[in-house]
Structure formats: C-alpha cells, structure tokens
Amino acid sequence: MALYLSIKLSLQNLQVLSFPSLYPTIPLPFCSRLSNLHIFFSSWGPYSNANHHPSRFLCPESYYSWFLENSKHRSHLDQIHAQLYLSGLQNNGFILAKFIHVCSNLGQIGYARQVFDAFPDPYVYLWNAIIKGYARHDLFINAIDTYRTMQLVFERPDSFTLPYVLKACGDLLAFKVGCAVHGQAFRLGFESDLFVQNSVVSFYTKCGRIDLARISFDRMRDRNIVSWTSVISGCSQNGQPVEALKIFSEMRGLNVVPDWVVLVTVLTAYTNIGDLKSGESLHSLVIKMGVEFEQDLQVALTSLYSKCGQVRTAKHLFNKVEVRDVILWNAMISGLAKQGQASDAVNLFQEMISKNIKPDVVTIQSTIMACAQLRFLGHARWIGDYVTNSSYQDDVVVNTSLIDMYSKCGCVNSARKVFYRAKKKDVVLWSAMIMAYGSHGRGREAIDLFYAMKRSKVSPNDVTFLGLLVACNHSGLIQEGLEFLNCMRDHGIKPHHQHYACVVDLLGRAGYLEKAHGLIETMPAEPSVSVWKALLSACKMHCHVRLGENAAQRLFALDPLNRDHYVQLSNLYALAHMWDRVGDVRMLMKEKGLNNEKQGRSVIEIT
C-alpha cells in the first residue's frame, strides 16, 4: 500500500517535480525511439557533456541504468519508479534488478523490498539483488529467509546467489544452514566455481571450523588471491597463527604474489607469536611492493613493533603517518601499555583527545590498563571521569576494566561506585567486583556480593570462585574457602591450579601445613609452580623445614632457573639456623648463575 501511494504521488507530481541537475531535454531521435517515455527532468550540470549525454543510449535498460547510477536521493528513485509505470516498464526484470541495487546502495533496503515484492514472478537476478542488499546491510536473517522463500518457489540459485547467502550464514554463525547451502552448491554443480568456493572457505573460517575450511581450500582446482586470503586470515583470526604462516609459506612457494590484505593478516600472525625477525623481513617486502602507505598495513606494522618491544621503531612509523585514524592510535597506545610504558600510553591518549579524535572502546580499555599499571589514583580518577562523561559509561567491558583499575589503585569505594552505576552486569563485572573486595581483605563483602549475584540469576564462572577464594585467603576465612572450593563442582566448574594455590596459601597462612600438603596430594592434575610456591612460602612463614624442602625440590624440577625459589628455601634454612644448608643453597645458585639480584623500585603517590 505504501509503495502504491508513493507511485501515485510521483505520477501526480511528475511534471512539477524535478530531478535535480538532470539533462534538460531528451533529443527528438531518442524520444522517437522511446515514444512512451515522457520524462521532463531539469539539467544535471556535472554530466552535461557529450560523453554523459543520455542520447547515446539505444535501449530503455541502458537509459534507465544511467539515471539510476547517478541517483543520489530517495526522491530520484520515486520519480524513476513512477516513470517506469508510465512507460509500462514496471515489470522489466533487468531495470528492476538495477533499481533494487541502487536502493540498497542508498540505504533504502525497505524500498527495495517493496519493489521486489511487487514483481509478480521474480527472476533469479532479482532474488540475487535483494539477497545481496540484505547481506550488505548486515540483515543476515532477512537474507537467509529470502533465500528460503526462493527455494519454496523452486527458483534455482546461481553462482551469484550462493556467495551472498554463505556470507550471511558466516556472519550470523549459522553453521548448520551454511553447511546445507554448501551441500546444495555441490549438488548444483558449483564445486568448480571459484566465486562460490571462496565463499565456502570464508564461511567455514567465520564459524571457526578451520579444518573444514582447509579441506574445502585443498579441494579447489583453481585458486586466486582471495582464496589464499580467506584461509590465511581465517587461521590467524581463529588463534592459529602458526598454521596461517605455514599456508602463507606454501603460497609464496607457488609464486603467488600477495596483496596488501594478505600482508596485513600475516603481519598480525607474526605479532601474535612475537616473531619480530620474520615481521621485519615482511616489512621489507611491503616496502619493495610499494604498499607501505596502505592504512591497514601501517596499523599492522605499528602493532608488530610496539607489541614486540620495538617501541622506538613503532613511534617512528606512527609519526610518519600524516592522517591517523583511531585504529592506528589504538595500535600505538595498546602497544605502549603492553610493553609497560604506561605513562607514555596515557600521554598519547591525552594527545589524541587534544586533536579531537574520538576514541573507541579499544582506546579506552588500553588507557585504563595503562592507568592500572601506573597505580596513580589521580590518573585513575581522570580516566574514570572521562568515561562517565562519554558514551562508554554503560559499556560492560569498560566498566569491568575501571573496577579492576580502581582496585589496583587501592580505591575499592570508587570501584564499588562504578559497579552500582553500571546498568548492565554480566558475570565478568560481578567477578571483577568480588575480586576487588577480596584483594583488599573485604571477604565478607565479597561473599555477600556473590550471594547477591546468585539472586540476580547470574551464574558464576571460574574467575568468580577465584575472587571468592582470594577474599577468603586475605580475610582468613578458612571454612568458607574450603566450602567454595568444594562447591565449584556443584556449578559444573573444574578447579584450576590457581584455585588450589589460593586454598593452599589460605591453609598455610593459618598454620595447617599438613592439611595444605594433603590437599596438594589429592589434586586430580599434577600440581603447578604456583601451588608448590604457596606451600613453600607458608613453610617459611612457620619454619617447617621438611615440607619446605619437599616443596622446594618440586619447584627446582618444574622451574629450575627461577632464583626466587632458591631464595625462599635459603631464608627458610636461615630462620631454622641451619647455616650450612644456607651455604649449600647459595652455592647451588652460583652454579646455576642465579646470583644477580634484581633491583626494585617503589613509588609513593602523595595526594
């Protein structure tokens, strides 16, 4: 009905409406060919030359294509659509497919659907046009539903239909539907179609099924750069950077020339595994190919050098870029924060703000992480105020980071304000606040918050219980700590080494060393360094030599080059006045080259 009214209005006003800047008149020879076209549009200045003159077109399809390609507004579409009805071309499939494409490009996907639905028996290219429009506008469910309707009316898809449907399935993570579409592509004989097969590989990588993506890729008879890019980026994005690099090496061995998209993916893989040397070699290839000014490559290179500790090189690359987008700023700020150069990261964020560049959630998180490293309450409050006055004050990830930051800066009350201000509270946010209470010895408040969390119907995870055990440990709540460790299994959560280490420390601090050792002996997995370290620390506190020696020997086997373990055992012997054994430990340290002491540094903030 809305479409009918729109056409009726356009028909009524066709002679008074103007198509802004369209060519003033249509030549008589052209009008004589298309005598049923009565279009009265005004001049279109930018195209008023011979090359763009509509009279060069010899058929309605080309004529309307020209007007559609140069349409800029919904009003243009309304007038063209009305003229199609006047001309009797409202059911011309080619023109309407073009019309739907243009509607989609102008963001008028609803209008495109109205035009599509008005067509009595759509051809396959009309189905393709509307499915493509939905996929391009991230309306993936609509794209898949339209494809299902297409199947119900027995319209056979072609090699242009399936890639857009597979894209929708991949972006929606609709694995079963995508597998069915893949099967249909095989049955319809598209197993050799490069466009379809590239889409199959991309679909499987988006769904995290690298195994199936690799099988599909290996079966391809012909591959282009898109094929290689899909499988390499899929491996890299799904936590398999080594596999991505292996495939890239295979690609280079076949003399396939990479494009800048592949290079970005490979640089990201080198960054993830910390392979600076190979990354530098690829940087040389980037320069050789002359693509070093591609923006995504600049970001990837900056991330590589900053995250691999070459901050000076990263800064040099960063400063060479004249126009920096937020992604490049993020690469530099997060790189500085992860390399422990927190002060520089905060300063760079302030510079970014001064240049009126709007940060995104990644920028905010990286800056909060830097402030947490600095542990300066002044910096923490500054970034906290910034978030409060920004659009990120309700972002659950940002609020979680703020709680962690305030906790590390020693201000639990500020962390609590963030928690109660947050409109969205997921398990991560609850766990962060429980951990904040626990780290500051406020065990009862942590436990009370846990029960409030359960009343809110939020299920705890392993981090929640770690926060509770930390709270019990710092508050000396032995019975509660043991109960929480035991009830983890009631929630279907398997305790990790950190949980056991926390309870061992809790028991050890209270002097229950034999009980702590007994807990270690009953662990289902081999105890880790953190567990034995907790026991050794407790043995030193209570001067229990026998268990301390046992824990130390386990640590020497698991972590032989960590001088802290030897120092702990030496201090235990010193407390027991066993000076000959102190000398033995010192001699052992000397033999292993562990005598160099690290100098510490303390900072006091005066507010």
Foldseek 3Di string as FASTA:
>chain_A
DVLVVLLVVLLVCQVPDAQPQPCQDQDPVQCVLQVLQDHGHHHNPVQPDPVLRLNVDDDPLVSLLSQLVPDADVSSLSNSCNRCVSSVNLQVQSSLLSSLQSCLVNVNLVVNVVSLVPHDDHAQSSLLSSLLSCLVVLVLVVSLVSVVVCVVVPHDHDLSSLLSNLSSCLVVLVVVSNVVSVVVCVVVPVLAPASNLLSNLLSCLSNVNLVVSVVSLVPHPDYALSSLLSSLLSCLVNVNLVVSVVSVVVCVVVVHDHDVSSLLSNLSSCQVVLVLVVNVVSVVVCVVVVNCLPQSNLLSNLLNCLQNPNLVVSVVSLVVHPDHAQSSLLSNLLSCLNNLVLVVSLVSVVVCVVVVHDHDPSSLLSNLSSLLSVLAVVSLVVSVVVCVPDPCLQPLVNLLSSLLSCLSNVNLVVNVVSLVVHPDDAQSSLLSNLLSCLQVLNQVVSVVSVVVCVVVVHQHAQSSLLSNLSNCQSNLVLVVLVVSQVCCVVSVYDHDLSSLLSNLLSCLQVPNLVVNVVSQVPDPDNHALSNLVSSLQSCLVVLPLPSNVVSLVVNCVRPVQDCVSLVSNLSSCVVVVVVVVNVVSVVVCVVSVNPDDDDDDDDDDDD
